[in-house]
Protein backbone atom coordinates (compact mmCIF):
# COMPACT_ATOMS: atom_id res chain seq x y z
CA MET A 1 14.70 14.32 -9.35
CA ASP A 2 12.63 14.46 -12.39
CA ALA A 3 9.75 12.30 -10.73
CA VAL A 4 5.61 12.17 -9.73
CA ALA A 5 4.04 9.78 -7.54
CA THR A 6 0.29 8.99 -6.99
CA ILE A 7 0.01 7.57 -4.01
CA LEU A 8 -2.86 4.31 -3.63
CA ALA A 9 -5.57 5.27 -1.71
CA GLY A 10 -8.08 2.80 -2.80
CA GLY A 11 -10.50 0.46 -0.19
CA ILE A 12 -10.50 -0.61 3.19
CA ASP A 13 -8.16 -3.15 5.15
CA VAL A 14 -10.69 -5.98 6.19
CA TYR A 15 -6.76 -6.95 8.56
CA LEU A 16 -7.30 -4.07 10.82
CA TRP A 17 -11.44 -4.38 11.43
CA PRO A 18 -13.76 -3.22 13.10
CA GLN A 19 -11.97 0.39 12.86
CA SER A 20 -11.27 0.02 9.17
CA ARG A 21 -14.38 0.12 7.60
CA GLN A 22 -15.79 1.87 4.60
CA GLN A 23 -16.47 5.19 5.54
CA MET A 24 -13.84 4.89 7.80
CA PRO A 25 -10.59 3.17 5.68
CA LYS A 26 -7.13 2.25 7.41
CA PHE A 27 -5.27 5.01 5.31
CA CYS A 28 -7.55 7.11 7.94
CA LEU A 29 -7.01 5.65 10.94
CA PRO A 30 -5.60 7.74 13.51
CA LEU A 31 -2.84 4.87 13.85
CA HIS A 32 0.15 6.92 15.32
CA PRO A 33 0.64 9.77 17.47
CA ASP A 34 1.57 12.02 14.62
CA GLY A 35 -1.43 11.16 12.69
CA SER A 36 -2.80 9.02 10.09
CA THR A 37 -0.62 6.80 7.29
CA LEU A 38 -1.79 8.48 4.64
CA GLN A 39 -1.14 12.33 6.37
CA ASN A 40 2.47 10.64 7.53
CA THR A 41 2.57 9.34 3.63
CA LEU A 42 2.36 13.22 2.04
CA GLN A 43 4.16 14.06 5.29
CA ARG A 44 7.54 11.80 4.17
CA LEU A 45 7.27 13.14 0.11
CA ARG A 46 6.40 16.68 0.35
CA PRO A 47 10.69 16.99 0.79
CA LEU A 48 10.91 14.94 -2.98
CA PHE A 49 8.03 16.25 -4.61
CA ALA A 50 6.79 19.67 -5.16
CA PRO A 51 2.64 19.80 -4.69
CA GLU A 52 1.55 19.81 -8.06
CA ARG A 53 3.97 16.53 -8.76
CA ILE A 54 1.48 14.23 -5.57
CA ALA A 55 -1.48 12.67 -7.12
CA ILE A 56 -3.91 10.58 -5.45
CA ALA A 57 -5.34 8.04 -6.69
CA THR A 58 -8.52 6.47 -4.99
CA THR A 59 -12.36 6.02 -5.96
CA ALA A 60 -15.36 8.35 -6.87
CA ALA A 61 -16.77 6.52 -3.65
CA LEU A 62 -14.08 7.40 -1.29
CA SER A 63 -13.15 11.12 -2.48
CA SER A 64 -15.59 12.66 -0.05
CA VAL A 65 -14.29 10.84 2.94
CA LEU A 66 -10.41 11.53 1.65
CA GLN A 67 -11.38 15.49 1.26
CA ARG A 68 -12.37 15.55 5.17
CA HIS A 69 -9.28 13.74 6.07
CA ILE A 70 -6.91 16.05 4.13
CA PRO A 71 -9.01 19.15 3.41
CA ASP A 72 -5.74 21.03 2.05
CA PHE A 73 -5.09 18.65 -0.48
CA PRO A 74 -6.35 20.19 -3.65
CA PRO A 75 -9.36 17.94 -5.27
CA SER A 76 -7.24 18.98 -8.35
CA GLN A 77 -5.01 16.32 -7.93
CA LEU A 78 -7.30 13.53 -6.89
CA ILE A 79 -7.13 10.70 -9.77
CA LEU A 80 -10.92 9.28 -9.55
CA GLU A 81 -11.83 6.02 -10.77
CA PRO A 82 -15.07 5.36 -11.09
CA ILE A 83 -15.23 1.68 -8.83
CA ALA A 84 -12.09 -0.05 -7.20
CA ARG A 85 -10.50 -2.50 -9.94
CA ASN A 86 -7.13 -2.81 -7.87
CA THR A 87 -3.68 -1.89 -8.99
CA ALA A 88 -3.25 -2.77 -12.46
CA PRO A 89 -6.21 0.30 -13.13
CA CYS A 90 -4.27 2.48 -10.89
CA LEU A 91 -1.19 2.31 -12.98
CA ALA A 92 -2.66 2.88 -16.15
CA LEU A 93 -4.91 5.83 -15.15
CA SER A 94 -1.98 7.25 -13.54
CA ALA A 95 0.40 7.14 -16.60
CA LEU A 96 -2.58 8.55 -18.60
CA TRP A 97 -3.27 11.29 -16.00
CA TRP A 98 0.46 11.95 -15.44
CA GLU A 99 1.03 11.57 -19.75
CA GLN A 100 -1.27 14.59 -19.96
CA ARG A 101 1.53 17.00 -17.71
CA TYR A 102 4.51 15.97 -18.32
CA PRO A 103 7.12 14.05 -20.52
CA SER A 104 6.65 10.22 -21.33
CA GLU A 105 10.40 10.37 -19.32
CA THR A 106 9.18 11.40 -16.45
CA ILE A 107 9.81 9.10 -13.40
CA LEU A 108 6.71 7.42 -11.95
CA PHE A 109 6.45 6.20 -8.61
CA LEU A 110 3.57 4.41 -6.53
CA PHE A 111 3.13 4.04 -3.06
CA PRO A 112 0.60 2.80 -0.77
CA ALA A 113 -1.59 5.33 1.24
CA ASP A 114 -1.45 3.01 4.33
CA HIS A 115 2.53 2.06 5.11
CA ALA A 116 4.84 3.39 8.08
CA ILE A 117 8.07 4.35 7.71
CA ALA A 118 11.06 5.43 10.00
CA ASN A 119 14.46 6.44 8.78
CA VAL A 120 13.35 9.26 6.61
CA GLY A 121 16.01 10.21 5.20
CA GLU A 122 17.46 7.31 4.42
CA PHE A 123 14.02 6.44 2.50
CA HIS A 124 15.02 9.92 0.65
CA GLN A 125 18.00 8.28 -0.57
CA SER A 126 16.74 5.20 -1.50
CA LEU A 127 13.87 7.30 -3.63
CA GLU A 128 16.17 9.46 -5.52
CA TYR A 129 18.30 6.40 -6.23
CA ALA A 130 15.34 4.90 -7.44
CA ALA A 131 14.25 7.53 -10.29
CA TRP A 132 17.76 7.70 -11.12
CA VAL A 133 18.29 3.74 -11.68
CA ALA A 134 14.49 3.73 -13.42
CA SER A 135 15.40 6.70 -15.98
CA HIS A 136 19.42 5.49 -16.61
CA THR A 137 18.37 1.95 -17.18
CA ARG A 138 14.26 2.66 -18.83
CA GLN A 139 13.50 -0.34 -16.32
CA PRO A 140 10.49 -0.87 -13.27
CA VAL A 141 12.28 -0.76 -10.20
CA VAL A 142 10.91 -1.98 -6.70
CA LEU A 143 12.05 -1.15 -3.61
CA GLY A 144 12.30 -4.33 -1.26
CA LEU A 145 13.85 -5.43 1.71
CA PRO A 146 15.24 -8.09 4.25
CA PRO A 147 12.74 -10.01 5.61
CA LYS A 148 12.43 -10.95 8.95
CA ARG A 149 10.02 -13.21 9.70
CA PRO A 150 7.39 -15.57 7.09
CA GLU A 151 4.72 -13.37 6.27
CA THR A 152 1.44 -14.61 4.33
CA ARG A 153 0.37 -10.95 3.58
CA PHE A 154 3.15 -9.32 1.03
CA GLY A 155 5.16 -10.26 -1.66
CA TYR A 156 7.85 -11.26 -2.44
CA VAL A 157 10.78 -10.64 -4.82
CA GLN A 158 13.91 -13.14 -5.59
CA VAL A 159 17.08 -12.07 -6.81
CA GLU A 160 19.82 -13.05 -8.53
CA GLY A 161 22.50 -11.05 -8.13
CA PRO A 162 23.45 -7.85 -8.82
CA TYR A 163 23.04 -5.65 -12.00
CA GLY A 164 26.05 -4.16 -12.65
CA ASP A 165 29.15 -2.51 -10.21
CA GLU A 166 28.16 0.60 -11.75
CA LEU A 167 24.77 0.16 -10.24
CA PRO A 168 25.71 -0.88 -6.68
CA GLY A 169 22.84 -2.32 -4.50
CA VAL A 170 20.92 -2.62 -7.57
CA LEU A 171 19.75 -6.98 -8.47
CA ARG A 172 18.43 -8.66 -11.09
CA VAL A 173 15.08 -10.14 -10.04
CA ARG A 174 14.27 -13.58 -10.96
CA THR A 175 10.53 -14.26 -9.74
CA PHE A 176 8.31 -12.33 -7.71
CA ALA A 177 5.81 -14.40 -5.64
CA GLU A 178 2.60 -12.69 -4.27
CA LYS A 179 1.20 -13.41 -0.88
CA PRO A 180 2.78 -16.82 -0.35
CA ASP A 181 1.32 -19.35 2.22
CA PHE A 182 3.59 -20.02 5.81
CA GLU A 183 5.54 -22.71 4.49
CA THR A 184 6.15 -21.41 1.09
CA ALA A 185 6.91 -17.74 2.61
CA ARG A 186 9.38 -20.04 5.37
CA ARG A 187 11.30 -21.16 2.54
CA PHE A 188 11.95 -18.23 1.69
CA LEU A 189 13.24 -17.14 4.81
CA GLU A 190 15.45 -19.83 4.49
CA LEU A 191 16.95 -19.33 0.94
CA GLY A 192 18.13 -16.09 1.56
CA ASP A 193 17.84 -14.68 -1.81
CA PHE A 194 14.37 -13.11 -1.33
CA LEU A 195 13.46 -9.68 -0.14
CA TRP A 196 9.64 -8.37 0.61
CA TYR A 197 8.71 -6.21 -2.07
CA THR A 198 7.18 -3.35 -0.06
CA GLY A 199 4.65 -2.04 -2.79
CA ILE A 200 7.01 1.19 -3.98
CA LEU A 201 7.52 1.12 -7.75
CA ALA A 202 9.74 3.85 -9.77
CA LEU A 203 9.17 3.16 -13.72
CA PRO A 204 9.57 5.73 -16.77
CA LEU A 205 6.03 6.45 -17.82
CA ALA A 206 6.33 5.15 -21.18
CA THR A 207 7.64 1.88 -19.19
CA VAL A 208 3.97 1.76 -18.43
CA TRP A 209 2.99 1.75 -21.70
CA GLU A 210 5.15 -1.38 -22.86
CA LEU A 211 4.61 -3.28 -19.92
CA LEU A 212 0.92 -2.54 -20.28
CA GLU A 213 1.07 -3.92 -24.08
CA ARG A 214 2.77 -6.51 -23.13
CA TYR A 215 1.38 -8.53 -20.18
CA CYS A 216 -2.26 -6.62 -19.81
CA PRO A 217 -2.79 -6.26 -24.23
CA ASP A 218 -6.70 -5.88 -23.19
CA TYR A 219 -5.45 -2.81 -20.80
CA TYR A 220 -3.75 -1.04 -23.12
CA ALA A 221 -6.00 -1.61 -26.03
CA LEU A 222 -8.60 0.60 -23.15
CA PHE A 223 -6.03 2.97 -22.03
CA ALA A 224 -3.69 3.44 -24.51
CA PRO A 225 -6.01 5.04 -27.33
CA LEU A 226 -6.26 7.70 -24.14
CA ARG A 227 -2.90 9.32 -24.39
CA TYR A 228 -3.05 10.79 -28.12
CA ARG A 229 -5.98 13.35 -27.11
CA THR A 230 -5.80 16.38 -23.99
CA LEU A 231 -8.75 15.30 -21.99
CA SER A 232 -9.91 17.82 -19.87
CA PRO A 233 -11.25 16.66 -16.14
CA GLU A 234 -14.47 15.85 -17.12
CA GLU A 235 -13.32 14.46 -20.26
CA LEU A 236 -10.80 12.08 -19.03
CA TRP A 237 -13.05 10.96 -16.25
CA ALA A 238 -16.40 10.39 -18.89
CA ALA A 239 -13.52 8.41 -20.67
CA THR A 240 -12.49 6.56 -17.65
CA GLU A 241 -16.09 5.64 -16.62
CA SER A 242 -16.49 4.23 -19.72
CA LEU A 243 -13.58 1.66 -19.43
CA TYR A 244 -13.85 1.61 -16.29
CA ARG A 245 -17.17 -1.28 -16.66
CA GLN A 246 -14.34 -3.47 -19.20
CA LEU A 247 -12.01 -3.62 -16.70
CA ARG A 248 -11.85 -6.80 -14.96
CA PRO A 249 -10.32 -6.50 -11.30
CA LEU A 250 -6.49 -7.18 -11.64
CA SER A 251 -2.82 -6.78 -9.24
CA ILE A 252 0.27 -4.91 -10.32
CA GLU A 253 1.49 -7.68 -8.36
CA HIS A 254 -0.49 -10.51 -10.47
CA GLY A 255 -1.29 -8.45 -13.65
CA ILE A 256 2.56 -7.56 -14.64
CA LEU A 257 5.13 -8.09 -12.03
CA GLU A 258 4.66 -12.15 -11.96
CA SER A 259 5.18 -11.94 -15.86
CA ALA A 260 7.54 -9.34 -15.95
CA ALA A 261 10.34 -11.20 -13.69
CA SER A 262 12.81 -10.60 -15.84
CA ASP A 263 12.24 -6.99 -16.56
CA ILE A 264 12.38 -5.54 -13.38
CA LEU A 265 15.40 -4.47 -11.01
CA ALA A 266 14.99 -4.47 -7.13
CA LEU A 267 17.06 -2.38 -5.31
CA ARG A 268 18.07 -3.97 -1.18
CA CYS A 269 16.84 -0.50 0.95
CA SER A 270 16.91 -1.14 4.79
CA PHE A 271 15.26 1.48 5.75
CA ASP A 272 12.30 0.93 8.24
CA TRP A 273 8.87 -0.56 6.84
CA SER A 274 5.72 -1.86 8.29
CA ASP A 275 2.41 -2.25 5.79
CA VAL A 276 0.56 -1.84 9.27
CA GLY A 277 -1.15 -4.37 7.88
CA THR A 278 -2.48 -6.23 11.72
CA TRP A 279 -3.36 -5.82 15.16
CA ASP A 280 -0.77 -7.60 16.01
CA GLU A 281 1.98 -6.01 13.69
CA LEU A 282 0.69 -2.46 15.36
CA TYR A 283 1.12 -4.16 18.58
CA ARG A 284 4.61 -4.92 17.66
CA ARG A 285 5.47 -1.49 16.40
CA ALA A 286 4.06 0.57 19.58
CA LEU A 287 5.63 1.49 23.03
CA LYS A 288 4.82 -0.69 25.42
CA ASP A 289 4.52 -0.22 29.39
CA PRO A 290 6.66 -2.98 31.62
CA ARG A 291 4.34 -5.84 31.23
CA GLY A 292 4.26 -5.50 27.62
CA ASN A 293 1.27 -4.07 27.29
CA VAL A 294 -0.46 -1.61 24.56
CA LEU A 295 -3.67 -0.22 26.47
CA GLN A 296 -5.13 3.16 24.55
CA GLY A 297 -8.46 4.95 26.46
CA ASP A 298 -10.17 3.52 29.26
CA ILE A 299 -8.83 0.35 30.22
CA ILE A 300 -9.25 -1.28 33.36
CA ALA A 301 -5.66 -3.95 33.30
CA ILE A 302 -5.29 -6.93 36.44
CA ASP A 303 -2.49 -9.08 35.91
CA ILE A 304 -2.27 -9.11 32.20
CA SER A 305 0.53 -9.37 29.89
CA CYS A 306 1.15 -8.96 26.27
CA CYS A 307 -2.07 -7.87 25.28
CA TYR A 308 -2.93 -4.86 22.73
CA VAL A 309 -6.31 -3.36 24.16
CA ASN A 310 -8.26 0.16 21.98
CA ALA A 311 -10.95 1.23 22.78
CA CYS A 312 -11.53 3.83 20.61
CA GLY A 313 -15.27 3.40 20.66
CA GLY A 314 -15.19 5.14 24.26
CA LYS A 315 -16.41 2.58 27.16
CA PRO A 316 -14.06 1.56 29.81
CA ILE A 317 -12.91 -1.97 29.31
CA ALA A 318 -11.76 -4.35 32.06
CA LEU A 319 -9.33 -7.25 31.79
CA VAL A 320 -8.34 -9.25 34.47
CA GLY A 321 -5.33 -12.59 34.31
CA VAL A 322 -5.36 -12.49 30.57
CA SER A 323 -2.54 -12.68 27.89
CA ASP A 324 -1.64 -12.12 24.42
CA LEU A 325 -4.67 -10.88 23.56
CA ILE A 326 -6.37 -8.40 20.85
CA VAL A 327 -8.80 -6.23 22.20
CA VAL A 328 -10.54 -3.08 20.26
CA GLU A 329 -13.92 -1.99 21.11
CA THR A 330 -15.40 0.78 18.65
CA GLU A 331 -19.01 1.69 18.78
CA GLN A 332 -20.47 -0.67 16.07
CA ALA A 333 -18.91 -4.06 17.36
CA ILE A 334 -15.88 -5.25 19.51
CA LEU A 335 -13.35 -7.41 18.35
CA ILE A 336 -11.07 -10.06 20.78
CA CYS A 337 -8.94 -12.91 19.91
CA PRO A 338 -5.12 -14.64 20.27
CA ARG A 339 -2.57 -12.18 19.10
CA ASP A 340 -1.18 -14.56 16.74
CA ALA A 341 -4.94 -14.85 15.13
CA SER A 342 -4.94 -11.34 14.23
CA ASP A 343 -4.42 -12.25 10.25
CA ARG A 344 -7.75 -14.14 10.74
CA VAL A 345 -9.79 -11.18 11.40
CA ALA A 346 -10.75 -10.68 7.23
CA GLU A 347 -13.04 -13.94 8.09
CA VAL A 348 -14.73 -11.97 10.52
CA VAL A 349 -15.15 -9.67 7.59
CA GLN A 350 -15.85 -12.37 4.75
CA TYR A 351 -18.32 -13.81 7.35
CA LEU A 352 -20.16 -10.29 7.71
CA ARG A 353 -20.38 -9.94 3.75
CA ARG A 354 -21.64 -13.21 2.97
CA LYS A 355 -24.50 -12.65 5.69
CA LYS A 356 -25.34 -8.94 4.19
CA ARG A 357 -24.41 -7.43 7.34
CA TYR A 358 -23.12 -3.88 5.44
CA ASN A 359 -23.89 -2.02 8.23
CA LEU A 360 -20.80 -3.64 9.99
CA LEU A 361 -18.42 -3.20 7.45
């Protein structure tokens, strides 16, 4: 498989406050018994990608956090952004970074750093097939999964039929919808022709530039001239610092996928996937006791059911006669909310930002 991988590790997750914070982003949290989501992502990719073909895109502010978290990962394989500008700049900078090392027909994969995936053998088969499809069609390939519930935090891909008999499982894309409201997400589920977008994208390096030129010409004008220069790491950093000051924040979904839907292919997959995006999602995926509880730390539980309780700050937590709660305790803060309101934790982070309580962020 002639491919390279960029893992996107750019920021915190507001839905997993108070554990996910500036100095402890979500992808570094010990959310699984076998390590963080970033450690798991690296472990999943290493059977398919040689070490020199895996890079991590992160901000300069997070680079020291990341290097402490994965000390064996070579700093030379970090793609550093001066400041966070969402994922579209990561795509452009990754293409530029990899083209300094590999031919333009090489397939670039983008992977979120903070997702969980089971059925790893099936996942690997999907990646190999996606790379083959992207290489033969020269088109972007997104990995999608049949949705299980109305979900407002995901992107949705509407598909409209097979690409061709020679590419089983590959579908043409009609539209791409990023983070719909609940009623729209429920309608997508009822229609039956939408997939969840996993955030995993495969495309030739050369195709990145074609998409940027067509759909993000301001980005293309800034990045493309650097393609034809051989840049040392220091020169690339200096050039990146200059152009990032001119960039508007933009996601791949809004900047490219929504506009380029007719140019995109979708691979319908079936591996077990989660964005581990809320405390309730963590609860859904965790092993539970006979009363449906997930209890981590020093917990005194009397007549409670279907609760997620995490005493990661070290203090004992006592609960009596409650159900369907999220309780997360850290040294700095305590979160308590109903399980079905865990997606509203982002409102707490917004409140803290408005009040400039940066010591809690």
